[in-house]
Every structure is written in C-alpha cells, then in structure tokens.
C-alpha cells in the first residue's frame, strides 16, 4: 500500500484524480488533498507519504518551491499539470 497526497489547487482536478485513483489503483491510499504549498508542507511532514501527486502552479507558489522544503525527500513525485511546457 502506498500513502499518497494530492497537491492541486483546482478542486475539480483534485476530485477527478482522487476518483481515478480510488477506481483504478487499489494500492494507493490518498491520505490528504492540499491546495497550497503551505498546507502541503505541513501534511507531508505530518503524514510522511510514499507518493506525491504535485501540481506545478499553486495559489501561494509552485510545486518546485514545495520540493525545495524537502531537500532529501523520502517520497516519489508524479507531476500533474495542464501546462505543456512542464509535460
């Protein structure tokens, strides 16, 4: 079982990903959905996830700024974004 956190500030995108994970990935348990860098940093520290689904642009910063707070992360990252230049 993988513990995961979704970091996405667009609620419909977060809900869609959560639905897809619940339906298709029984081995992924989403522990939290966060909409900001500040909230995500707190939840990552608290929950210690195995996997992070991370948007690039968030209301209070970027996914890259979030990752800078964890120089030696123990979690894997899957970027989720609608921006072609980051794909």
C-alpha atoms as a PDB file:
ATOM      1  CA  UNK A   1       0.000   0.000   0.000  1.00  0.00           C
ATOM      2  CA  UNK A   2       1.270   3.456  -0.956  1.00  0.00           C
ATOM      3  CA  UNK A   3       0.300   6.505   1.121  1.00  0.00           C
ATOM      4  CA  UNK A   4      -0.271   9.473  -1.172  1.00  0.00           C
ATOM      5  CA  UNK A   5      -1.014  13.178  -1.033  1.00  0.00           C
ATOM      6  CA  UNK A   6      -2.575  15.143  -3.886  1.00  0.00           C
ATOM      7  CA  UNK A   7      -1.351  18.748  -4.136  1.00  0.00           C
ATOM      8  CA  UNK A   8      -3.685  20.564  -6.533  1.00  0.00           C
ATOM      9  CA  UNK A   9      -5.399  23.932  -6.119  1.00  0.00           C
ATOM     10  CA  UNK A  10      -8.129  23.330  -8.720  1.00  0.00           C
ATOM     11  CA  UNK A  11     -10.730  21.313  -6.827  1.00  0.00           C
ATOM     12  CA  UNK A  12     -12.276  19.657  -9.890  1.00  0.00           C
ATOM     13  CA  UNK A  13      -8.834  18.375 -10.955  1.00  0.00           C
ATOM     14  CA  UNK A  14      -8.106  17.063  -7.461  1.00  0.00           C
ATOM     15  CA  UNK A  15     -11.509  15.355  -7.273  1.00  0.00           C
ATOM     16  CA  UNK A  16     -11.030  13.814 -10.720  1.00  0.00           C
ATOM     17  CA  UNK A  17      -7.622  12.399  -9.820  1.00  0.00           C
ATOM     18  CA  UNK A  18      -8.928  11.117  -6.497  1.00  0.00           C
ATOM     19  CA  UNK A  19     -11.780   9.350  -8.300  1.00  0.00           C
ATOM     20  CA  UNK A  20      -9.406   7.747 -10.822  1.00  0.00           C
ATOM     21  CA  UNK A  21      -7.045   6.571  -8.100  1.00  0.00           C
ATOM     22  CA  UNK A  22      -9.844   5.097  -5.994  1.00  0.00           C
ATOM     23  CA  UNK A  23     -11.323   3.327  -9.008  1.00  0.00           C
ATOM     24  CA  UNK A  24      -8.110   2.043 -10.619  1.00  0.00           C
ATOM     25  CA  UNK A  25      -5.327   1.937  -8.023  1.00  0.00           C
ATOM     26  CA  UNK A  26      -6.331  -0.112  -5.005  1.00  0.00           C
ATOM     27  CA  UNK A  27      -2.747   0.002  -3.715  1.00  0.00           C
ATOM     28  CA  UNK A  28      -2.751   3.839  -3.465  1.00  0.00           C
ATOM     29  CA  UNK A  29      -4.450   5.390  -0.428  1.00  0.00           C
ATOM     30  CA  UNK A  30      -4.835   9.152  -0.639  1.00  0.00           C
ATOM     31  CA  UNK A  31      -4.259  10.485   2.864  1.00  0.00           C
ATOM     32  CA  UNK A  32      -4.808  14.188   2.063  1.00  0.00           C
ATOM     33  CA  UNK A  33      -5.668  16.662  -0.670  1.00  0.00           C
ATOM     34  CA  UNK A  34      -3.895  20.018  -0.330  1.00  0.00           C
ATOM     35  CA  UNK A  35      -4.428  23.226  -2.271  1.00  0.00           C
ATOM     36  CA  UNK A  36      -1.342  25.220  -1.265  1.00  0.00           C
ATOM     37  CA  UNK A  37       2.392  24.962  -0.683  1.00  0.00           C
ATOM     38  CA  UNK A  38       1.937  25.821   2.991  1.00  0.00           C
ATOM     39  CA  UNK A  39      -0.765  23.207   3.581  1.00  0.00           C
ATOM     40  CA  UNK A  40       1.116  20.535   1.617  1.00  0.00           C
ATOM     41  CA  UNK A  41       4.383  21.108   3.509  1.00  0.00           C
ATOM     42  CA  UNK A  42       2.540  20.613   6.793  1.00  0.00           C
ATOM     43  CA  UNK A  43       0.777  17.444   5.605  1.00  0.00           C
ATOM     44  CA  UNK A  44       3.958  15.944   4.109  1.00  0.00           C
ATOM     45  CA  UNK A  45       5.766  16.428   7.412  1.00  0.00           C
ATOM     46  CA  UNK A  46       2.829  15.032   9.367  1.00  0.00           C
ATOM     47  CA  UNK A  47       1.816  12.075   7.169  1.00  0.00           C
ATOM     48  CA  UNK A  48       5.144  11.090   5.578  1.00  0.00           C
ATOM     49  CA  UNK A  49       3.662   9.932   2.249  1.00  0.00           C
ATOM     50  CA  UNK A  50       5.260   7.498  -0.177  1.00  0.00           C
ATOM     51  CA  UNK A  51       3.899   9.342  -3.194  1.00  0.00           C
ATOM     52  CA  UNK A  52       3.060  12.947  -4.036  1.00  0.00           C
ATOM     53  CA  UNK A  53       0.820  13.961  -6.943  1.00  0.00           C
ATOM     54  CA  UNK A  54       2.047  17.519  -7.435  1.00  0.00           C
ATOM     55  CA  UNK A  55       0.672  20.389  -9.495  1.00  0.00           C
ATOM     56  CA  UNK A  56       3.155  22.966 -10.781  1.00  0.00           C
ATOM     57  CA  UNK A  57       1.210  26.203 -10.215  1.00  0.00           C
ATOM     58  CA  UNK A  58      -0.469  26.644  -6.843  1.00  0.00           C
ATOM     59  CA  UNK A  59      -2.168  29.669  -5.330  1.00  0.00           C
ATOM     60  CA  UNK A  60       0.699  30.508  -2.973  1.00  0.00           C
ATOM     61  CA  UNK A  61       3.672  29.327  -5.020  1.00  0.00           C
ATOM     62  CA  UNK A  62       4.857  26.444  -7.147  1.00  0.00           C
ATOM     63  CA  UNK A  63       5.349  22.736  -6.742  1.00  0.00           C
ATOM     64  CA  UNK A  64       9.067  23.356  -7.154  1.00  0.00           C
ATOM     65  CA  UNK A  65       9.046  25.709  -4.148  1.00  0.00           C
ATOM     66  CA  UNK A  66       7.339  22.968  -2.157  1.00  0.00           C
ATOM     67  CA  UNK A  67      10.011  20.452  -3.146  1.00  0.00           C
ATOM     68  CA  UNK A  68      12.751  22.886  -2.050  1.00  0.00           C
ATOM     69  CA  UNK A  69      11.421  22.476   1.507  1.00  0.00           C
ATOM     70  CA  UNK A  70      12.343  18.770   1.324  1.00  0.00           C
ATOM     71  CA  UNK A  71      15.932  18.570   0.023  1.00  0.00           C
ATOM     72  CA  UNK A  72      16.149  14.795   0.600  1.00  0.00           C
ATOM     73  CA  UNK A  73      12.572  13.623   0.103  1.00  0.00           C
ATOM     74  CA  UNK A  74      11.594  10.127   1.108  1.00  0.00           C
ATOM     75  CA  UNK A  75       8.623  10.283  -1.266  1.00  0.00           C
ATOM     76  CA  UNK A  76       8.319   9.912  -5.036  1.00  0.00           C
ATOM     77  CA  UNK A  77       6.740  12.694  -7.113  1.00  0.00           C
ATOM     78  CA  UNK A  78       4.316  12.497 -10.007  1.00  0.00           C
ATOM     79  CA  UNK A  79       3.789  15.917 -11.543  1.00  0.00           C
ATOM     80  CA  UNK A  80       0.261  16.785 -12.610  1.00  0.00           C
ATOM     81  CA  UNK A  81      -0.180  19.885 -14.750  1.00  0.00           C
ATOM     82  CA  UNK A  82      -2.110  21.332 -17.646  1.00  0.00           C
ATOM     83  CA  UNK A  83       0.919  23.319 -18.830  1.00  0.00           C
ATOM     84  CA  UNK A  84       2.553  21.823 -21.935  1.00  0.00           C
ATOM     85  CA  UNK A  85       5.964  23.293 -21.126  1.00  0.00           C
ATOM     86  CA  UNK A  86       6.185  21.131 -17.998  1.00  0.00           C
ATOM     87  CA  UNK A  87       4.919  17.918 -19.573  1.00  0.00           C
END
